[in-house]
């Protein structure tokens, strides 16, 4: 069973852990919705659906043609993600009268972990850096033309609402759960809707944050999606040096895009007093990865210009 990070934290009585998880998810449109599957071992090998078998009509006495689906075997390995948070004992004893210094330091460490996960969620590349898991850009493979890569133009073009609809239609088996983009792209969508005389649908999430919707699909902002991609020949050739961005349409779930984690999910480990300095250390760690079980459950609109 796949659980979101927030739901998994409810099963823990560790109040510090619950606080860290809430700090992480409340500002992350991805971690709010992304379910995680607990796996035994250090990785998961799965078959990604590529093509369906064919079906035909036959007359009496016809010879029936055999057809089988095709799959591509993928492997997602868990990666070690985390960091240590040290608190000086003198400062903890003398500067915690108004605010818990240790809690504040751990909260900032949790925010840094959230930022690193969101960056890797987009640009992670296990080939370039084996310590990382493959991110969404690598899983969809925006460097090659395909049905899940929608090019705004051969070398990029100004965003239109029709392009957004085409991106949504590229996700099969139901609507996407999230449209993930940069702040520039979200501003452009707002401008296009206002220019057409309409208004964006809005609502609040459980933390009171405003969420915008397009065609009933939540719009999420990822501050790590760059507006400097280079698009040439209808594919992305670089992530810096240009003026293009990418918008992702994602469907979450065990048959779509899902996170992978070791049993226990995110853990907070008190290391205790340090030998070489007067301080205590807390370690935040997470063994995690990402898997796209069906290629048609995610799509990318590349070459988006302002």
Protein backbone atom coordinates (compact mmCIF):
# COMPACT_ATOMS: atom_id res chain seq x y z
CA UNK A 1 0.00 0.00 0.00
CA UNK A 2 1.30 3.44 -0.91
CA UNK A 3 1.10 6.17 1.73
CA UNK A 4 1.91 9.84 1.49
CA UNK A 5 4.68 11.09 3.74
CA UNK A 6 2.14 12.91 5.91
CA UNK A 7 -0.06 9.84 6.40
CA UNK A 8 2.96 7.67 7.28
CA UNK A 9 3.96 10.18 9.97
CA UNK A 10 0.55 9.72 11.64
CA UNK A 11 1.56 6.14 12.45
CA UNK A 12 4.49 7.40 14.51
CA UNK A 13 4.30 8.61 18.11
CA UNK A 14 7.49 10.63 17.66
CA UNK A 15 6.24 14.24 17.90
CA UNK A 16 9.53 15.59 16.57
CA UNK A 17 9.18 13.40 13.49
CA UNK A 18 5.60 14.55 12.92
CA UNK A 19 6.72 18.16 13.17
CA UNK A 20 9.52 17.61 10.67
CA UNK A 21 7.19 15.90 8.18
CA UNK A 22 4.61 18.69 8.45
CA UNK A 23 7.35 21.25 7.89
CA UNK A 24 8.38 19.38 4.74
CA UNK A 25 5.00 18.72 3.15
CA UNK A 26 3.09 21.93 3.87
CA UNK A 27 5.21 23.95 1.42
CA UNK A 28 5.70 21.22 -1.19
CA UNK A 29 2.99 20.61 -3.82
CA UNK A 30 4.75 17.34 -4.70
CA UNK A 31 5.11 15.85 -1.22
CA UNK A 32 1.52 16.78 -0.36
CA UNK A 33 0.25 14.34 -2.99
CA UNK A 34 3.07 11.94 -3.86
CA UNK A 35 2.40 8.45 -2.37
CA UNK A 36 5.31 6.30 -1.24
CA UNK A 37 5.62 2.52 -1.43
CA UNK A 38 7.67 0.83 1.27
CA UNK A 39 10.00 -1.73 -0.29
CA UNK A 40 12.22 -4.42 1.20
CA UNK A 41 15.78 -4.32 -0.01
CA UNK A 42 17.68 -1.51 -1.66
CA UNK A 43 15.73 -1.23 -4.92
CA UNK A 44 12.72 -2.18 -6.98
CA UNK A 45 12.67 -3.72 -10.45
CA UNK A 46 9.39 -3.19 -12.26
CA UNK A 47 7.96 -3.54 -15.76
CA UNK A 48 6.85 -0.29 -17.35
CA UNK A 49 4.01 -0.70 -19.83
CA UNK A 50 5.05 0.30 -23.36
CA UNK A 51 2.42 -0.96 -25.86
CA UNK A 52 -0.89 -2.80 -25.54
CA UNK A 53 -1.76 -5.97 -27.46
CA UNK A 54 -3.96 -5.56 -30.53
CA UNK A 55 -7.60 -6.61 -30.82
CA UNK A 56 -9.44 -7.28 -34.10
CA UNK A 57 -12.73 -8.60 -35.51
CA UNK A 58 -12.93 -12.03 -37.16
CA UNK A 59 -15.26 -14.03 -39.39
CA UNK A 60 -16.22 -17.61 -38.69
CA UNK A 61 -13.29 -19.84 -39.58
CA UNK A 62 -10.72 -17.03 -39.65
CA UNK A 63 -7.24 -17.62 -38.31
CA UNK A 64 -6.78 -15.63 -35.15
CA UNK A 65 -3.66 -13.49 -34.85
CA UNK A 66 -1.73 -13.54 -31.60
CA UNK A 67 -0.58 -10.26 -30.09
CA UNK A 68 1.13 -9.56 -26.80
CA UNK A 69 1.88 -6.36 -24.88
CA UNK A 70 5.41 -5.06 -24.58
CA UNK A 71 7.16 -3.86 -21.46
CA UNK A 72 10.41 -2.19 -20.56
CA UNK A 73 12.09 -3.36 -17.40
CA UNK A 74 13.14 -0.54 -15.10
CA UNK A 75 15.04 -0.50 -11.83
CA UNK A 76 14.75 2.19 -9.16
CA UNK A 77 17.35 2.03 -6.41
CA UNK A 78 16.88 3.68 -3.04
CA UNK A 79 19.25 6.58 -2.43
CA UNK A 80 20.51 7.93 0.88
CA UNK A 81 19.37 11.47 1.51
CA UNK A 82 19.83 13.50 4.68
CA UNK A 83 22.04 15.65 6.84
CA UNK A 84 23.20 16.36 10.38
CA UNK A 85 22.00 19.23 12.55
CA UNK A 86 24.34 20.30 15.37
CA UNK A 87 23.25 22.52 18.25
CA UNK A 88 25.86 24.08 20.53
CA UNK A 89 25.11 23.21 24.15
CA UNK A 90 26.05 26.68 25.42
CA UNK A 91 23.67 28.36 22.99
CA UNK A 92 20.96 25.82 23.78
CA UNK A 93 21.30 26.57 27.49
CA UNK A 94 21.51 30.35 27.23
CA UNK A 95 19.53 31.28 24.11
CA UNK A 96 16.45 29.04 24.31
CA UNK A 97 14.42 31.18 26.69
CA UNK A 98 12.20 32.54 23.90
CA UNK A 99 12.49 29.82 21.25
CA UNK A 100 13.59 26.21 21.30
CA UNK A 101 16.91 26.50 19.49
CA UNK A 102 17.18 22.79 18.73
CA UNK A 103 13.68 22.68 17.21
CA UNK A 104 14.45 25.73 15.07
CA UNK A 105 17.67 24.20 13.72
CA UNK A 106 15.96 20.88 12.91
CA UNK A 107 13.10 22.72 11.19
CA UNK A 108 15.55 24.55 8.92
CA UNK A 109 17.29 21.24 8.18
CA UNK A 110 13.92 19.75 7.25
CA UNK A 111 13.23 22.63 4.86
CA UNK A 112 16.62 22.07 3.25
CA UNK A 113 15.76 18.39 2.80
CA UNK A 114 12.46 19.36 1.16
CA UNK A 115 14.25 21.70 -1.23
CA UNK A 116 16.79 19.02 -2.16
CA UNK A 117 14.06 16.46 -2.78
CA UNK A 118 12.11 18.86 -5.02
CA UNK A 119 15.23 19.71 -7.01
CA UNK A 120 16.11 16.02 -7.46
CA UNK A 121 12.45 15.23 -8.23
CA UNK A 122 12.90 17.32 -11.41
CA UNK A 123 16.57 17.11 -12.37
CA UNK A 124 17.83 13.94 -10.67
CA UNK A 125 20.09 11.90 -12.95
CA UNK A 126 21.56 8.67 -11.60
CA UNK A 127 23.80 8.39 -14.67
CA UNK A 128 25.47 11.76 -14.08
CA UNK A 129 25.45 11.39 -10.29
CA UNK A 130 24.98 7.81 -9.03
CA UNK A 131 24.14 9.13 -5.54
CA UNK A 132 20.84 10.56 -6.88
CA UNK A 133 17.66 8.92 -8.10
CA UNK A 134 16.29 9.69 -11.56
CA UNK A 135 13.96 12.68 -11.59
CA UNK A 136 10.90 13.47 -13.66
CA UNK A 137 12.86 14.99 -16.56
CA UNK A 138 14.90 11.79 -16.90
CA UNK A 139 11.92 9.45 -16.44
CA UNK A 140 9.94 11.21 -19.21
CA UNK A 141 13.16 11.75 -21.20
CA UNK A 142 12.61 15.23 -22.59
CA UNK A 143 15.83 14.93 -24.61
CA UNK A 144 14.05 12.62 -27.07
CA UNK A 145 10.88 13.12 -29.08
CA UNK A 146 7.94 10.99 -28.00
CA UNK A 147 4.23 10.97 -27.30
CA UNK A 148 4.77 12.19 -23.74
CA UNK A 149 7.00 15.11 -24.77
CA UNK A 150 4.96 18.00 -26.17
CA UNK A 151 7.11 20.65 -27.84
CA UNK A 152 5.80 24.22 -27.81
CA UNK A 153 7.86 24.76 -30.96
CA UNK A 154 10.96 23.46 -32.66
CA UNK A 155 13.00 26.01 -30.71
CA UNK A 156 10.37 26.97 -28.14
CA UNK A 157 7.38 29.28 -28.34
CA UNK A 158 5.15 31.49 -26.21
CA UNK A 159 2.77 29.50 -24.03
CA UNK A 160 -0.90 29.27 -25.06
CA UNK A 161 -3.84 27.69 -23.25
CA UNK A 162 -4.23 25.24 -26.12
CA UNK A 163 -0.73 23.91 -25.40
CA UNK A 164 -1.78 23.33 -21.79
CA UNK A 165 -4.82 21.35 -22.94
CA UNK A 166 -2.61 19.27 -25.24
CA UNK A 167 -0.29 18.51 -22.32
CA UNK A 168 -3.22 17.34 -20.18
CA UNK A 169 -4.51 15.12 -22.99
CA UNK A 170 -1.10 13.42 -23.22
CA UNK A 171 -1.72 11.83 -19.80
CA UNK A 172 -3.88 8.76 -20.38
CA UNK A 173 -6.18 6.86 -18.04
CA UNK A 174 -7.63 9.90 -16.27
CA UNK A 175 -6.65 13.49 -15.72
CA UNK A 176 -3.33 14.45 -14.17
CA UNK A 177 -3.34 15.13 -10.43
CA UNK A 178 -0.90 18.03 -10.71
CA UNK A 179 0.48 20.54 -13.20
CA UNK A 180 4.00 21.37 -12.00
CA UNK A 181 5.76 24.46 -13.31
CA UNK A 182 7.95 27.46 -12.53
CA UNK A 183 6.59 30.72 -11.15
CA UNK A 184 7.10 32.39 -14.54
CA UNK A 185 4.91 29.79 -16.22
CA UNK A 186 2.19 30.21 -13.61
CA UNK A 187 2.22 33.99 -14.11
CA UNK A 188 1.88 33.44 -17.86
CA UNK A 189 -1.16 31.18 -17.37
CA UNK A 190 -2.76 33.80 -15.12
CA UNK A 191 -2.14 36.48 -17.76
CA UNK A 192 -3.62 34.32 -20.52
CA UNK A 193 -6.75 33.57 -18.49
CA UNK A 194 -7.25 37.24 -17.57
CA UNK A 195 -6.74 38.26 -21.20
CA UNK A 196 -9.52 35.86 -22.23
CA UNK A 197 -11.87 37.45 -19.70
CA UNK A 198 -11.84 34.53 -17.28
CA UNK A 199 -10.64 33.90 -13.74
CA UNK A 200 -8.56 31.05 -12.37
CA UNK A 201 -10.37 28.62 -10.07
CA UNK A 202 -8.88 28.76 -6.57
CA UNK A 203 -9.26 26.95 -3.27
CA UNK A 204 -7.37 26.45 0.00
CA UNK A 205 -5.53 23.36 1.14
CA UNK A 206 -5.58 22.03 4.72
CA UNK A 207 -2.76 24.42 5.70
CA UNK A 208 -4.66 27.45 4.43
CA UNK A 209 -2.50 27.95 1.35
CA UNK A 210 -4.18 29.13 -1.84
CA UNK A 211 -4.15 26.59 -4.66
CA UNK A 212 -5.00 27.46 -8.27
CA UNK A 213 -6.62 25.03 -10.70
CA UNK A 214 -6.71 24.69 -14.47
CA UNK A 215 -9.43 22.42 -15.83
CA UNK A 216 -9.90 21.11 -12.29
CA UNK A 217 -6.21 20.17 -11.97
CA UNK A 218 -4.12 21.70 -9.21
CA UNK A 219 -1.26 23.96 -10.27
CA UNK A 220 1.93 23.45 -8.28
CA UNK A 221 5.00 25.66 -8.29
CA UNK A 222 8.46 24.13 -8.07
CA UNK A 223 11.11 26.78 -7.52
CA UNK A 224 13.78 24.47 -8.95
CA UNK A 225 12.28 24.29 -12.44
CA UNK A 226 14.53 26.54 -14.49
CA UNK A 227 13.44 29.06 -17.12
CA UNK A 228 16.78 28.68 -18.91
CA UNK A 229 16.30 25.42 -20.84
CA UNK A 230 17.52 25.16 -24.43
CA UNK A 231 15.15 23.54 -26.94
CA UNK A 232 16.34 22.66 -30.44
CA UNK A 233 14.64 20.43 -32.98
CA UNK A 234 11.70 19.84 -30.65
CA UNK A 235 13.79 18.34 -27.80
CA UNK A 236 15.65 19.72 -24.80
CA UNK A 237 19.39 19.91 -25.36
CA UNK A 238 20.43 21.70 -22.16
CA UNK A 239 18.93 23.11 -18.96
CA UNK A 240 20.97 26.32 -18.98
CA UNK A 241 21.83 28.86 -21.64
CA UNK A 242 18.34 29.40 -23.08
CA UNK A 243 15.03 31.04 -22.24
CA UNK A 244 12.62 28.08 -22.19
CA UNK A 245 10.91 26.30 -19.32
CA UNK A 246 8.98 23.04 -18.89
CA UNK A 247 5.53 22.27 -17.49
CA UNK A 248 4.88 18.75 -16.21
CA UNK A 249 1.52 16.96 -15.99
CA UNK A 250 1.61 14.14 -13.45
CA UNK A 251 -0.74 11.43 -12.28
CA UNK A 252 0.15 9.96 -8.89
CA UNK A 253 -0.45 6.42 -7.67
CA UNK A 254 0.90 2.86 -7.56
CA UNK A 255 0.23 2.46 -11.28
CA UNK A 256 1.54 5.90 -12.16
CA UNK A 257 4.23 8.08 -10.54
CA UNK A 258 5.08 6.91 -7.05
CA UNK A 259 7.78 7.44 -4.49
CA UNK A 260 9.78 4.55 -3.06
CA UNK A 261 11.04 4.43 0.50
CA UNK A 262 12.54 2.04 3.02
CA UNK A 263 10.30 0.91 5.90
CA UNK A 264 9.90 3.75 8.36
CA UNK A 265 9.99 6.51 5.74
CA UNK A 266 11.76 9.63 7.00
CA UNK A 267 13.65 9.08 10.27
CA UNK A 268 15.03 11.38 12.94
CA UNK A 269 18.03 9.89 14.72
CA UNK A 270 19.45 11.54 17.86
CA UNK A 271 23.22 11.07 17.64
CA UNK A 272 23.83 12.73 21.01
CA UNK A 273 26.84 14.55 22.39
CA UNK A 274 29.83 15.02 20.10
CA UNK A 275 33.32 14.06 21.13
CA UNK A 276 35.25 16.97 19.64
CA UNK A 277 32.93 19.87 20.47
CA UNK A 278 30.35 20.90 23.06
CA UNK A 279 27.28 20.19 20.96
CA UNK A 280 24.56 17.63 20.34
CA UNK A 281 23.76 16.21 16.90
CA UNK A 282 20.52 15.09 15.29
CA UNK A 283 20.50 13.24 11.97
CA UNK A 284 17.64 13.53 9.49
CA UNK A 285 17.77 10.75 6.91
CA UNK A 286 15.56 9.31 4.22
CA UNK A 287 16.13 6.31 1.95
CA UNK A 288 14.01 7.22 -1.07
CA UNK A 289 13.62 7.01 -4.83
CA UNK A 290 11.08 7.57 -7.61
CA UNK A 291 9.34 5.17 -10.02
CA UNK A 292 7.12 5.79 -13.05
CA UNK A 293 5.13 2.58 -13.48
CA UNK A 294 3.36 3.63 -16.68
CA UNK A 295 4.91 5.98 -19.21
CA UNK A 296 1.54 7.53 -20.17
CA UNK A 297 0.90 8.77 -16.62
CA UNK A 298 3.29 11.72 -16.97
CA UNK A 299 4.01 14.20 -19.73
CA UNK A 300 6.12 17.30 -20.29
CA UNK A 301 5.45 20.49 -22.24
CA UNK A 302 8.91 21.74 -23.25
CA UNK A 303 10.03 24.98 -24.90
CA UNK A 304 7.71 27.22 -22.86
CA UNK A 305 8.70 30.85 -23.37
CA UNK A 306 7.38 33.87 -21.52
